[in-house]
Protein backbone atom coordinates (compact mmCIF):
# COMPACT_ATOMS: atom_id res chain seq x y z
CA UNK A 1 0.00 0.00 0.00
CA UNK A 2 1.28 3.48 -0.85
CA UNK A 3 1.19 6.27 1.70
CA UNK A 4 1.33 9.44 -0.39
CA UNK A 5 -1.93 10.83 1.00
CA UNK A 6 -0.12 13.07 3.51
CA UNK A 7 2.18 14.56 0.88
CA UNK A 8 1.32 18.12 -0.08
CA UNK A 9 2.41 19.80 -3.27
CA UNK A 10 3.20 23.39 -2.37
CA UNK A 11 5.70 26.02 -3.45
CA UNK A 12 8.42 24.50 -1.24
CA UNK A 13 7.97 21.15 -3.00
CA UNK A 14 8.23 22.79 -6.42
CA UNK A 15 11.33 24.71 -5.33
CA UNK A 16 12.99 21.52 -4.04
CA UNK A 17 12.21 19.71 -7.29
CA UNK A 18 13.68 22.59 -9.28
CA UNK A 19 16.91 22.47 -7.26
CA UNK A 20 17.20 18.68 -7.45
CA UNK A 21 16.53 18.60 -11.19
CA UNK A 22 18.64 21.69 -11.83
CA UNK A 23 15.77 23.25 -13.75
CA UNK A 24 14.29 26.72 -13.66
CA UNK A 25 10.55 27.20 -13.92
CA UNK A 26 8.62 30.34 -14.72
CA UNK A 27 5.65 31.17 -12.51
CA UNK A 28 3.29 29.74 -15.11
CA UNK A 29 5.34 26.53 -15.40
CA UNK A 30 5.40 26.18 -11.62
CA UNK A 31 1.62 26.37 -11.45
CA UNK A 32 1.25 23.81 -14.25
CA UNK A 33 3.74 21.49 -12.53
CA UNK A 34 1.96 21.89 -9.21
CA UNK A 35 -1.38 21.01 -10.83
CA UNK A 36 0.08 17.98 -12.62
CA UNK A 37 1.73 16.66 -9.45
CA UNK A 38 -1.49 17.14 -7.47
CA UNK A 39 -3.38 15.13 -10.11
CA UNK A 40 -0.78 12.35 -9.85
CA UNK A 41 -1.13 12.20 -6.08
CA UNK A 42 -4.92 12.13 -6.38
CA UNK A 43 -4.59 9.16 -8.72
CA UNK A 44 -2.31 7.32 -6.28
CA UNK A 45 -4.72 8.10 -3.44
CA UNK A 46 -7.55 6.66 -5.53
CA UNK A 47 -5.50 3.49 -5.99
CA UNK A 48 -5.05 3.29 -2.22
CA UNK A 49 -8.81 2.79 -1.91
CA UNK A 50 -8.56 -0.60 -3.65
CA UNK A 51 -8.40 -3.79 -1.63
CA UNK A 52 -5.19 -5.47 -2.75
CA UNK A 53 -5.08 -8.15 -0.07
CA UNK A 54 -3.93 -11.41 -1.63
CA UNK A 55 -2.77 -9.78 -4.86
CA UNK A 56 0.83 -10.58 -5.67
CA UNK A 57 3.01 -7.74 -6.93
CA UNK A 58 3.55 -7.69 -10.68
CA UNK A 59 7.23 -8.29 -11.33
CA UNK A 60 7.04 -8.91 -15.08
CA UNK A 61 4.46 -7.89 -17.64
CA UNK A 62 4.37 -11.46 -19.00
CA UNK A 63 5.14 -14.88 -17.58
CA UNK A 64 8.04 -15.26 -20.01
CA UNK A 65 11.42 -14.96 -18.35
CA UNK A 66 14.75 -14.43 -20.11
CA UNK A 67 13.43 -14.68 -23.64
CA UNK A 68 16.82 -14.43 -25.28
CA UNK A 69 17.72 -14.57 -28.94
CA UNK A 70 20.93 -15.34 -30.74
CA UNK A 71 23.08 -12.35 -31.63
CA UNK A 72 23.14 -12.00 -35.37
CA UNK A 73 25.44 -9.56 -37.13
CA UNK A 74 23.63 -7.55 -39.78
CA UNK A 75 25.52 -5.08 -41.89
CA UNK A 76 22.50 -3.04 -42.80
CA UNK A 77 24.40 0.22 -43.19
CA UNK A 78 27.83 0.89 -44.51
CA UNK A 79 30.03 3.21 -42.48
CA UNK A 80 29.58 5.90 -45.10
CA UNK A 81 25.79 5.62 -44.92
CA UNK A 82 25.80 5.74 -41.12
CA UNK A 83 28.05 8.81 -41.07
CA UNK A 84 26.29 10.62 -43.91
CA UNK A 85 24.12 12.90 -41.71
CA UNK A 86 26.47 13.19 -38.74
CA UNK A 87 27.23 16.81 -37.85
CA UNK A 88 30.81 15.96 -36.82
CA UNK A 89 32.71 13.01 -38.24
CA UNK A 90 35.97 11.85 -39.73
CA UNK A 91 36.45 9.05 -42.24
CA UNK A 92 35.40 6.26 -39.83
CA UNK A 93 33.91 7.66 -36.64
CA UNK A 94 31.35 10.05 -35.19
CA UNK A 95 33.00 12.94 -33.38
CA UNK A 96 31.53 14.16 -30.13
CA UNK A 97 32.48 17.07 -27.87
CA UNK A 98 34.85 16.24 -25.05
CA UNK A 99 32.92 15.89 -21.79
CA UNK A 100 35.62 14.80 -19.35
CA UNK A 101 38.14 17.39 -18.25
CA UNK A 102 41.39 16.59 -16.48
PDB file of N, CA and C in Angstrom:
ATOM      1  N   UNK A   1       0.850  -1.183   0.000  1.00  0.00           N
ATOM      2  CA  UNK A   1       0.000   0.000   0.000  1.00  0.00           C
ATOM      3  C   UNK A   1       0.893   1.243   0.000  1.00  0.00           C
ATOM      4  N   UNK A   2       0.513   2.228  -0.782  1.00  0.00           N
ATOM      5  CA  UNK A   2       1.276   3.482  -0.851  1.00  0.00           C
ATOM      6  C   UNK A   2       0.730   4.467   0.176  1.00  0.00           C
ATOM      7  N   UNK A   3       1.608   5.304   0.687  1.00  0.00           N
ATOM      8  CA  UNK A   3       1.192   6.271   1.697  1.00  0.00           C
ATOM      9  C   UNK A   3       1.543   7.691   1.274  1.00  0.00           C
ATOM     10  N   UNK A   4       1.052   8.101   0.114  1.00  0.00           N
ATOM     11  CA  UNK A   4       1.328   9.438  -0.386  1.00  0.00           C
ATOM     12  C   UNK A   4       0.254  10.434   0.025  1.00  0.00           C
ATOM     13  N   UNK A   5      -0.783   9.976   0.720  1.00  0.00           N
ATOM     14  CA  UNK A   5      -1.927  10.830   1.001  1.00  0.00           C
ATOM     15  C   UNK A   5      -1.567  12.027   1.862  1.00  0.00           C
ATOM     16  N   UNK A   6      -0.495  11.956   2.647  1.00  0.00           N
ATOM     17  CA  UNK A   6      -0.124  13.070   3.507  1.00  0.00           C
ATOM     18  C   UNK A   6       0.778  14.069   2.789  1.00  0.00           C
ATOM     19  N   UNK A   7       1.277  13.684   1.610  1.00  0.00           N
ATOM     20  CA  UNK A   7       2.176  14.562   0.883  1.00  0.00           C
ATOM     21  C   UNK A   7       1.390  15.740   0.306  1.00  0.00           C
ATOM     22  N   UNK A   8       1.958  16.916   0.425  1.00  0.00           N
ATOM     23  CA  UNK A   8       1.315  18.122  -0.081  1.00  0.00           C
ATOM     24  C   UNK A   8       2.230  18.760  -1.109  1.00  0.00           C
ATOM     25  N   UNK A   9       1.652  19.113  -2.236  1.00  0.00           N
ATOM     26  CA  UNK A   9       2.410  19.803  -3.274  1.00  0.00           C
ATOM     27  C   UNK A   9       2.208  21.295  -3.055  1.00  0.00           C
ATOM     28  N   UNK A  10       3.254  21.941  -2.585  1.00  0.00           N
ATOM     29  CA  UNK A  10       3.201  23.385  -2.370  1.00  0.00           C
ATOM     30  C   UNK A  10       4.417  24.033  -3.030  1.00  0.00           C
ATOM     31  N   UNK A  11       4.600  25.302  -2.818  1.00  0.00           N
ATOM     32  CA  UNK A  11       5.702  26.023  -3.452  1.00  0.00           C
ATOM     33  C   UNK A  11       7.058  25.487  -2.997  1.00  0.00           C
ATOM     34  N   UNK A  12       7.167  25.080  -1.738  1.00  0.00           N
ATOM     35  CA  UNK A  12       8.422  24.502  -1.244  1.00  0.00           C
ATOM     36  C   UNK A  12       8.763  23.218  -1.999  1.00  0.00           C
ATOM     37  N   UNK A  13       7.746  22.393  -2.255  1.00  0.00           N
ATOM     38  CA  UNK A  13       7.966  21.149  -2.998  1.00  0.00           C
ATOM     39  C   UNK A  13       8.461  21.444  -4.402  1.00  0.00           C
ATOM     40  N   UNK A  14       7.830  22.412  -5.056  1.00  0.00           N
ATOM     41  CA  UNK A  14       8.226  22.792  -6.418  1.00  0.00           C
ATOM     42  C   UNK A  14       9.655  23.339  -6.412  1.00  0.00           C
ATOM     43  N   UNK A  15       9.978  24.157  -5.424  1.00  0.00           N
ATOM     44  CA  UNK A  15      11.332  24.712  -5.328  1.00  0.00           C
ATOM     45  C   UNK A  15      12.374  23.606  -5.127  1.00  0.00           C
ATOM     46  N   UNK A  16      12.066  22.638  -4.273  1.00  0.00           N
ATOM     47  CA  UNK A  16      12.992  21.523  -4.044  1.00  0.00           C
ATOM     48  C   UNK A  16      13.197  20.715  -5.314  1.00  0.00           C
ATOM     49  N   UNK A  17      12.104  20.455  -6.038  1.00  0.00           N
ATOM     50  CA  UNK A  17      12.213  19.714  -7.294  1.00  0.00           C
ATOM     51  C   UNK A  17      13.057  20.470  -8.314  1.00  0.00           C
ATOM     52  N   UNK A  18      12.893  21.779  -8.355  1.00  0.00           N
ATOM     53  CA  UNK A  18      13.682  22.595  -9.283  1.00  0.00           C
ATOM     54  C   UNK A  18      15.169  22.503  -8.959  1.00  0.00           C
ATOM     55  N   UNK A  19      15.500  22.563  -7.674  1.00  0.00           N
ATOM     56  CA  UNK A  19      16.905  22.471  -7.262  1.00  0.00           C
ATOM     57  C   UNK A  19      17.463  21.089  -7.586  1.00  0.00           C
ATOM     58  N   UNK A  20      16.728  20.038  -7.223  1.00  0.00           N
ATOM     59  CA  UNK A  20      17.198  18.677  -7.454  1.00  0.00           C
ATOM     60  C   UNK A  20      17.354  18.356  -8.932  1.00  0.00           C
ATOM     61  N   UNK A  21      16.468  18.878  -9.753  1.00  0.00           N
ATOM     62  CA  UNK A  21      16.530  18.599 -11.187  1.00  0.00           C
ATOM     63  C   UNK A  21      17.372  19.608 -11.946  1.00  0.00           C
ATOM     64  N   UNK A  22      17.842  20.618 -11.223  1.00  0.00           N
ATOM     65  CA  UNK A  22      18.639  21.689 -11.829  1.00  0.00           C
ATOM     66  C   UNK A  22      17.891  22.353 -12.993  1.00  0.00           C
ATOM     67  N   UNK A  23      16.615  22.591 -12.755  1.00  0.00           N
ATOM     68  CA  UNK A  23      15.766  23.251 -13.745  1.00  0.00           C
ATOM     69  C   UNK A  23      15.241  24.557 -13.177  1.00  0.00           C
ATOM     70  N   UNK A  24      14.924  25.464 -14.067  1.00  0.00           N
ATOM     71  CA  UNK A  24      14.290  26.718 -13.662  1.00  0.00           C
ATOM     72  C   UNK A  24      12.909  26.765 -14.279  1.00  0.00           C
ATOM     73  N   UNK A  25      11.925  27.124 -13.476  1.00  0.00           N
ATOM     74  CA  UNK A  25      10.550  27.196 -13.925  1.00  0.00           C
ATOM     75  C   UNK A  25      10.035  28.622 -13.807  1.00  0.00           C
ATOM     76  N   UNK A  26       9.296  29.054 -14.812  1.00  0.00           N
ATOM     77  CA  UNK A  26       8.618  30.336 -14.719  1.00  0.00           C
ATOM     78  C   UNK A  26       7.429  30.157 -13.779  1.00  0.00           C
ATOM     79  N   UNK A  27       6.814  31.250 -13.390  1.00  0.00           N
ATOM     80  CA  UNK A  27       5.651  31.168 -12.513  1.00  0.00           C
ATOM     81  C   UNK A  27       4.543  30.336 -13.112  1.00  0.00           C
ATOM     82  N   UNK A  28       4.334  30.490 -14.413  1.00  0.00           N
ATOM     83  CA  UNK A  28       3.292  29.735 -15.109  1.00  0.00           C
ATOM     84  C   UNK A  28       3.634  28.240 -15.143  1.00  0.00           C
ATOM     85  N   UNK A  29       4.903  27.922 -15.373  1.00  0.00           N
ATOM     86  CA  UNK A  29       5.343  26.530 -15.399  1.00  0.00           C
ATOM     87  C   UNK A  29       5.230  25.908 -14.010  1.00  0.00           C
ATOM     88  N   UNK A  30       5.517  26.689 -12.980  1.00  0.00           N
ATOM     89  CA  UNK A  30       5.400  26.185 -11.616  1.00  0.00           C
ATOM     90  C   UNK A  30       3.960  25.811 -11.294  1.00  0.00           C
ATOM     91  N   UNK A  31       3.037  26.651 -11.705  1.00  0.00           N
ATOM     92  CA  UNK A  31       1.620  26.372 -11.447  1.00  0.00           C
ATOM     93  C   UNK A  31       1.168  25.131 -12.205  1.00  0.00           C
ATOM     94  N   UNK A  32       1.608  24.988 -13.451  1.00  0.00           N
ATOM     95  CA  UNK A  32       1.253  23.808 -14.251  1.00  0.00           C
ATOM     96  C   UNK A  32       1.843  22.547 -13.624  1.00  0.00           C
ATOM     97  N   UNK A  33       3.092  22.621 -13.167  1.00  0.00           N
ATOM     98  CA  UNK A  33       3.742  21.492 -12.526  1.00  0.00           C
ATOM     99  C   UNK A  33       3.026  21.117 -11.230  1.00  0.00           C
ATOM    100  N   UNK A  34       2.668  22.126 -10.468  1.00  0.00           N
ATOM    101  CA  UNK A  34       1.958  21.892  -9.208  1.00  0.00           C
ATOM    102  C   UNK A  34       0.632  21.176  -9.474  1.00  0.00           C
ATOM    103  N   UNK A  35      -0.095  21.629 -10.478  1.00  0.00           N
ATOM    104  CA  UNK A  35      -1.377  21.012 -10.833  1.00  0.00           C
ATOM    105  C   UNK A  35      -1.179  19.574 -11.282  1.00  0.00           C
ATOM    106  N   UNK A  36      -0.188  19.336 -12.134  1.00  0.00           N
ATOM    107  CA  UNK A  36       0.082  17.976 -12.619  1.00  0.00           C
ATOM    108  C   UNK A  36       0.446  17.045 -11.472  1.00  0.00           C
ATOM    109  N   UNK A  37       1.312  17.490 -10.571  1.00  0.00           N
ATOM    110  CA  UNK A  37       1.726  16.657  -9.451  1.00  0.00           C
ATOM    111  C   UNK A  37       0.550  16.371  -8.511  1.00  0.00           C
ATOM    112  N   UNK A  38      -0.314  17.355  -8.311  1.00  0.00           N
ATOM    113  CA  UNK A  38      -1.494  17.136  -7.470  1.00  0.00           C
ATOM    114  C   UNK A  38      -2.410  16.083  -8.096  1.00  0.00           C
ATOM    115  N   UNK A  39      -2.559  16.136  -9.432  1.00  0.00           N
ATOM    116  CA  UNK A  39      -3.378  15.125 -10.113  1.00  0.00           C
ATOM    117  C   UNK A  39      -2.766  13.732  -9.959  1.00  0.00           C
ATOM    118  N   UNK A  40      -1.450  13.642 -10.021  1.00  0.00           N
ATOM    119  CA  UNK A  40      -0.781  12.346  -9.852  1.00  0.00           C
ATOM    120  C   UNK A  40      -1.022  11.796  -8.453  1.00  0.00           C
ATOM    121  N   UNK A  41      -0.897  12.655  -7.452  1.00  0.00           N
ATOM    122  CA  UNK A  41      -1.130  12.201  -6.078  1.00  0.00           C
ATOM    123  C   UNK A  41      -2.579  11.794  -5.853  1.00  0.00           C
ATOM    124  N   UNK A  42      -3.512  12.507  -6.487  1.00  0.00           N
ATOM    125  CA  UNK A  42      -4.921  12.135  -6.379  1.00  0.00           C
ATOM    126  C   UNK A  42      -5.156  10.752  -6.976  1.00  0.00           C
ATOM    127  N   UNK A  43      -4.466  10.473  -8.090  1.00  0.00           N
ATOM    128  CA  UNK A  43      -4.588   9.164  -8.722  1.00  0.00           C
ATOM    129  C   UNK A  43      -4.053   8.072  -7.802  1.00  0.00           C
ATOM    130  N   UNK A  44      -2.893   8.300  -7.201  1.00  0.00           N
ATOM    131  CA  UNK A  44      -2.310   7.321  -6.281  1.00  0.00           C
ATOM    132  C   UNK A  44      -3.231   7.133  -5.080  1.00  0.00           C
ATOM    133  N   UNK A  45      -3.796   8.218  -4.575  1.00  0.00           N
ATOM    134  CA  UNK A  45      -4.721   8.104  -3.442  1.00  0.00           C
ATOM    135  C   UNK A  45      -5.950   7.295  -3.820  1.00  0.00           C
ATOM    136  N   UNK A  46      -6.409   7.445  -5.053  1.00  0.00           N
ATOM    137  CA  UNK A  46      -7.553   6.663  -5.529  1.00  0.00           C
ATOM    138  C   UNK A  46      -7.186   5.183  -5.557  1.00  0.00           C
ATOM    139  N   UNK A  47      -5.963   4.876  -5.982  1.00  0.00           N
ATOM    140  CA  UNK A  47      -5.504   3.488  -5.994  1.00  0.00           C
ATOM    141  C   UNK A  47      -5.427   2.917  -4.584  1.00  0.00           C
ATOM    142  N   UNK A  48      -5.127   3.752  -3.603  1.00  0.00           N
ATOM    143  CA  UNK A  48      -5.054   3.295  -2.215  1.00  0.00           C
ATOM    144  C   UNK A  48      -6.404   2.812  -1.688  1.00  0.00           C
ATOM    145  N   UNK A  49      -7.485   3.196  -2.349  1.00  0.00           N
ATOM    146  CA  UNK A  49      -8.812   2.786  -1.913  1.00  0.00           C
ATOM    147  C   UNK A  49      -9.115   1.329  -2.282  1.00  0.00           C
ATOM    148  N   UNK A  50      -8.319   0.769  -3.202  1.00  0.00           N
ATOM    149  CA  UNK A  50      -8.563  -0.600  -3.645  1.00  0.00           C
ATOM    150  C   UNK A  50      -8.070  -1.601  -2.620  1.00  0.00           C
ATOM    151  N   UNK A  51      -8.816  -2.703  -2.502  1.00  0.00           N
ATOM    152  CA  UNK A  51      -8.400  -3.787  -1.626  1.00  0.00           C
ATOM    153  C   UNK A  51      -7.446  -4.680  -2.417  1.00  0.00           C
ATOM    154  N   UNK A  52      -6.193  -4.679  -2.038  1.00  0.00           N
ATOM    155  CA  UNK A  52      -5.186  -5.473  -2.750  1.00  0.00           C
ATOM    156  C   UNK A  52      -4.711  -6.657  -1.917  1.00  0.00           C
ATOM    157  N   UNK A  53      -5.455  -7.002  -0.903  1.00  0.00           N
ATOM    158  CA  UNK A  53      -5.080  -8.153  -0.075  1.00  0.00           C
ATOM    159  C   UNK A  53      -5.088  -9.409  -0.939  1.00  0.00           C
ATOM    160  N   UNK A  54      -4.013 -10.167  -0.874  1.00  0.00           N
ATOM    161  CA  UNK A  54      -3.932 -11.406  -1.633  1.00  0.00           C
ATOM    162  C   UNK A  54      -3.494 -11.234  -3.074  1.00  0.00           C
ATOM    163  N   UNK A  55      -3.231 -10.014  -3.494  1.00  0.00           N
ATOM    164  CA  UNK A  55      -2.768  -9.777  -4.863  1.00  0.00           C
ATOM    165  C   UNK A  55      -1.253  -9.700  -4.848  1.00  0.00           C
ATOM    166  N   UNK A  56      -0.620 -10.589  -5.624  1.00  0.00           N
ATOM    167  CA  UNK A  56       0.832 -10.584  -5.671  1.00  0.00           C
ATOM    168  C   UNK A  56       1.329  -9.416  -6.513  1.00  0.00           C
ATOM    169  N   UNK A  57       2.454  -8.839  -6.135  1.00  0.00           N
ATOM    170  CA  UNK A  57       3.010  -7.744  -6.931  1.00  0.00           C
ATOM    171  C   UNK A  57       3.381  -8.228  -8.330  1.00  0.00           C
ATOM    172  N   UNK A  58       3.192  -7.373  -9.300  1.00  0.00           N
ATOM    173  CA  UNK A  58       3.549  -7.694 -10.678  1.00  0.00           C
ATOM    174  C   UNK A  58       5.030  -7.409 -10.874  1.00  0.00           C
ATOM    175  N   UNK A  59       5.793  -8.460 -11.124  1.00  0.00           N
ATOM    176  CA  UNK A  59       7.226  -8.291 -11.334  1.00  0.00           C
ATOM    177  C   UNK A  59       7.566  -8.207 -12.808  1.00  0.00           C
ATOM    178  N   UNK A  60       6.819  -8.913 -13.638  1.00  0.00           N
ATOM    179  CA  UNK A  60       7.044  -8.905 -15.077  1.00  0.00           C
ATOM    180  C   UNK A  60       5.700  -8.760 -15.771  1.00  0.00           C
ATOM    181  N   UNK A  61       5.706  -8.120 -16.904  1.00  0.00           N
ATOM    182  CA  UNK A  61       4.461  -7.892 -17.638  1.00  0.00           C
ATOM    183  C   UNK A  61       3.914  -9.194 -18.220  1.00  0.00           C
ATOM    184  N   UNK A  62       4.803 -10.157 -18.497  1.00  0.00           N
ATOM    185  CA  UNK A  62       4.372 -11.461 -18.998  1.00  0.00           C
ATOM    186  C   UNK A  62       4.996 -12.540 -18.119  1.00  0.00           C
ATOM    187  N   UNK A  63       4.583 -13.757 -18.329  1.00  0.00           N
ATOM    188  CA  UNK A  63       5.145 -14.877 -17.580  1.00  0.00           C
ATOM    189  C   UNK A  63       6.463 -15.359 -18.189  1.00  0.00           C
ATOM    190  N   UNK A  64       6.794 -14.872 -19.363  1.00  0.00           N
ATOM    191  CA  UNK A  64       8.041 -15.256 -20.013  1.00  0.00           C
ATOM    192  C   UNK A  64       9.223 -14.628 -19.290  1.00  0.00           C
ATOM    193  N   UNK A  65      10.228 -15.434 -19.033  1.00  0.00           N
ATOM    194  CA  UNK A  65      11.420 -14.958 -18.349  1.00  0.00           C
ATOM    195  C   UNK A  65      12.629 -15.251 -19.226  1.00  0.00           C
ATOM    196  N   UNK A  66      13.508 -14.266 -19.361  1.00  0.00           N
ATOM    197  CA  UNK A  66      14.747 -14.426 -20.113  1.00  0.00           C
ATOM    198  C   UNK A  66      14.514 -14.974 -21.525  1.00  0.00           C
ATOM    199  N   UNK A  67      13.658 -14.309 -22.238  1.00  0.00           N
ATOM    200  CA  UNK A  67      13.427 -14.683 -23.636  1.00  0.00           C
ATOM    201  C   UNK A  67      14.578 -14.115 -24.449  1.00  0.00           C
ATOM    202  N   UNK A  68      15.620 -14.896 -24.609  1.00  0.00           N
ATOM    203  CA  UNK A  68      16.821 -14.431 -25.282  1.00  0.00           C
ATOM    204  C   UNK A  68      16.821 -14.889 -26.734  1.00  0.00           C
ATOM    205  N   UNK A  69      17.565 -14.194 -27.548  1.00  0.00           N
ATOM    206  CA  UNK A  69      17.721 -14.573 -28.945  1.00  0.00           C
ATOM    207  C   UNK A  69      19.208 -14.602 -29.253  1.00  0.00           C
ATOM    208  N   UNK A  70      19.551 -15.284 -30.296  1.00  0.00           N
ATOM    209  CA  UNK A  70      20.933 -15.337 -30.739  1.00  0.00           C
ATOM    210  C   UNK A  70      21.334 -13.981 -31.303  1.00  0.00           C
ATOM    211  N   UNK A  71      22.550 -13.570 -31.022  1.00  0.00           N
ATOM    212  CA  UNK A  71      23.081 -12.355 -31.629  1.00  0.00           C
ATOM    213  C   UNK A  71      23.417 -12.645 -33.082  1.00  0.00           C
ATOM    214  N   UNK A  72      22.890 -11.840 -33.953  1.00  0.00           N
ATOM    215  CA  UNK A  72      23.144 -12.003 -35.375  1.00  0.00           C
ATOM    216  C   UNK A  72      23.696 -10.690 -35.901  1.00  0.00           C
ATOM    217  N   UNK A  73      24.826 -10.757 -36.575  1.00  0.00           N
ATOM    218  CA  UNK A  73      25.438  -9.561 -37.133  1.00  0.00           C
ATOM    219  C   UNK A  73      24.749  -9.238 -38.448  1.00  0.00           C
ATOM    220  N   UNK A  74      24.246  -8.035 -38.546  1.00  0.00           N
ATOM    221  CA  UNK A  74      23.626  -7.553 -39.781  1.00  0.00           C
ATOM    222  C   UNK A  74      24.345  -6.291 -40.211  1.00  0.00           C
ATOM    223  N   UNK A  75      24.894  -6.284 -41.346  1.00  0.00           N
ATOM    224  CA  UNK A  75      25.522  -5.083 -41.887  1.00  0.00           C
ATOM    225  C   UNK A  75      24.498  -4.355 -42.749  1.00  0.00           C
ATOM    226  N   UNK A  76      23.565  -3.709 -42.079  1.00  0.00           N
ATOM    227  CA  UNK A  76      22.496  -3.045 -42.798  1.00  0.00           C
ATOM    228  C   UNK A  76      22.940  -1.708 -43.368  1.00  0.00           C
ATOM    229  N   UNK A  77      23.911  -1.059 -42.728  1.00  0.00           N
ATOM    230  CA  UNK A  77      24.403   0.224 -43.192  1.00  0.00           C
ATOM    231  C   UNK A  77      25.910   0.139 -43.361  1.00  0.00           C
ATOM    232  N   UNK A  78      26.384   0.752 -44.396  1.00  0.00           N
ATOM    233  CA  UNK A  78      27.832   0.887 -44.514  1.00  0.00           C
ATOM    234  C   UNK A  78      28.254   2.036 -43.604  1.00  0.00           C
ATOM    235  N   UNK A  79      29.532   2.110 -43.310  1.00  0.00           N
ATOM    236  CA  UNK A  79      30.027   3.209 -42.478  1.00  0.00           C
ATOM    237  C   UNK A  79      29.699   4.547 -43.106  1.00  0.00           C
ATOM    238  N   UNK A  80      29.862   4.642 -44.402  1.00  0.00           N
ATOM    239  CA  UNK A  80      29.583   5.902 -45.100  1.00  0.00           C
ATOM    240  C   UNK A  80      28.122   6.293 -44.954  1.00  0.00           C
ATOM    241  N   UNK A  81      27.217   5.319 -45.064  1.00  0.00           N
ATOM    242  CA  UNK A  81      25.789   5.619 -44.919  1.00  0.00           C
ATOM    243  C   UNK A  81      25.470   6.059 -43.490  1.00  0.00           C
ATOM    244  N   UNK A  82      26.056   5.391 -42.519  1.00  0.00           N
ATOM    245  CA  UNK A  82      25.798   5.735 -41.124  1.00  0.00           C
ATOM    246  C   UNK A  82      26.313   7.125 -40.790  1.00  0.00           C
ATOM    247  N   UNK A  83      27.421   7.514 -41.365  1.00  0.00           N
ATOM    248  CA  UNK A  83      28.046   8.807 -41.069  1.00  0.00           C
ATOM    249  C   UNK A  83      27.510   9.940 -41.933  1.00  0.00           C
ATOM    250  N   UNK A  84      26.720   9.629 -42.919  1.00  0.00           N
ATOM    251  CA  UNK A  84      26.288  10.617 -43.909  1.00  0.00           C
ATOM    252  C   UNK A  84      25.675  11.870 -43.282  1.00  0.00           C
ATOM    253  N   UNK A  85      24.811  11.743 -42.296  1.00  0.00           N
ATOM    254  CA  UNK A  85      24.125  12.901 -41.713  1.00  0.00           C
ATOM    255  C   UNK A  85      24.720  13.368 -40.387  1.00  0.00           C
ATOM    256  N   UNK A  86      25.852  12.806 -40.018  1.00  0.00           N
ATOM    257  CA  UNK A  86      26.470  13.186 -38.743  1.00  0.00           C
ATOM    258  C   UNK A  86      27.003  14.606 -38.824  1.00  0.00           C
ATOM    259  N   UNK A  87      26.734  15.441 -37.809  1.00  0.00           N
ATOM    260  CA  UNK A  87      27.230  16.815 -37.845  1.00  0.00           C
ATOM    261  C   UNK A  87      28.754  16.895 -37.745  1.00  0.00           C
ATOM    262  N   UNK A  88      29.360  16.018 -36.950  1.00  0.00           N
ATOM    263  CA  UNK A  88      30.810  15.963 -36.818  1.00  0.00           C
ATOM    264  C   UNK A  88      31.260  14.529 -37.053  1.00  0.00           C
ATOM    265  N   UNK A  89      32.237  14.355 -37.932  1.00  0.00           N
ATOM    266  CA  UNK A  89      32.706  13.010 -38.237  1.00  0.00           C
ATOM    267  C   UNK A  89      34.079  13.087 -38.878  1.00  0.00           C
ATOM    268  N   UNK A  90      34.776  11.966 -38.907  1.00  0.00           N
ATOM    269  CA  UNK A  90      35.967  11.855 -39.727  1.00  0.00           C
ATOM    270  C   UNK A  90      35.684  10.713 -40.703  1.00  0.00           C
ATOM    271  N   UNK A  91      36.686  10.071 -41.221  1.00  0.00           N
ATOM    272  CA  UNK A  91      36.454   9.045 -42.238  1.00  0.00           C
ATOM    273  C   UNK A  91      35.763   7.796 -41.690  1.00  0.00           C
ATOM    274  N   UNK A  92      35.953   7.498 -40.386  1.00  0.00           N
ATOM    275  CA  UNK A  92      35.402   6.264 -39.826  1.00  0.00           C
ATOM    276  C   UNK A  92      34.470   6.442 -38.636  1.00  0.00           C
ATOM    277  N   UNK A  93      34.581   7.560 -37.929  1.00  0.00           N
ATOM    278  CA  UNK A  93      33.911   7.665 -36.639  1.00  0.00           C
ATOM    279  C   UNK A  93      33.081   8.937 -36.515  1.00  0.00           C
ATOM    280  N   UNK A  94      32.068   8.862 -35.623  1.00  0.00           N
ATOM    281  CA  UNK A  94      31.354  10.052 -35.194  1.00  0.00           C
ATOM    282  C   UNK A  94      32.275  10.816 -34.263  1.00  0.00           C
ATOM    283  N   UNK A  95      32.249  12.135 -34.328  1.00  0.00           N
ATOM    284  CA  UNK A  95      33.002  12.938 -33.385  1.00  0.00           C
ATOM    285  C   UNK A  95      32.025  13.584 -32.428  1.00  0.00           C
ATOM    286  N   UNK A  96      32.382  13.571 -31.149  1.00  0.00           N
ATOM    287  CA  UNK A  96      31.531  14.160 -30.129  1.00  0.00           C
ATOM    288  C   UNK A  96      32.356  15.117 -29.307  1.00  0.00           C
ATOM    289  N   UNK A  97      31.729  16.136 -28.715  1.00  0.00           N
ATOM    290  CA  UNK A  97      32.478  17.066 -27.874  1.00  0.00           C
ATOM    291  C   UNK A  97      33.067  16.350 -26.657  1.00  0.00           C
ATOM    292  N   UNK A  98      34.198  16.805 -26.224  1.00  0.00           N
ATOM    293  CA  UNK A  98      34.849  16.236 -25.045  1.00  0.00           C
ATOM    294  C   UNK A  98      34.031  16.617 -23.810  1.00  0.00           C
ATOM    295  N   UNK A  99      33.729  15.619 -22.970  1.00  0.00           N
ATOM    296  CA  UNK A  99      32.919  15.886 -21.785  1.00  0.00           C
ATOM    297  C   UNK A  99      33.681  15.666 -20.492  1.00  0.00           C
ATOM    298  N   UNK A 100      34.837  15.046 -20.554  1.00  0.00           N
ATOM    299  CA  UNK A 100      35.617  14.804 -19.348  1.00  0.00           C
ATOM    300  C   UNK A 100      36.845  15.717 -19.386  1.00  0.00           C
ATOM    301  N   UNK A 101      36.998  16.494 -18.330  1.00  0.00           N
ATOM    302  CA  UNK A 101      38.135  17.385 -18.250  1.00  0.00           C
ATOM    303  C   UNK A 101      39.111  16.850 -17.207  1.00  0.00           C
ATOM    304  N   UNK A 102      40.384  17.056 -17.444  1.00  0.00           N
ATOM    305  CA  UNK A 102      41.393  16.592 -16.476  1.00  0.00           C
ATOM    306  C   UNK A 102      41.729  17.699 -15.510  1.00  0.00           C
TER     307      UNK A 102
END
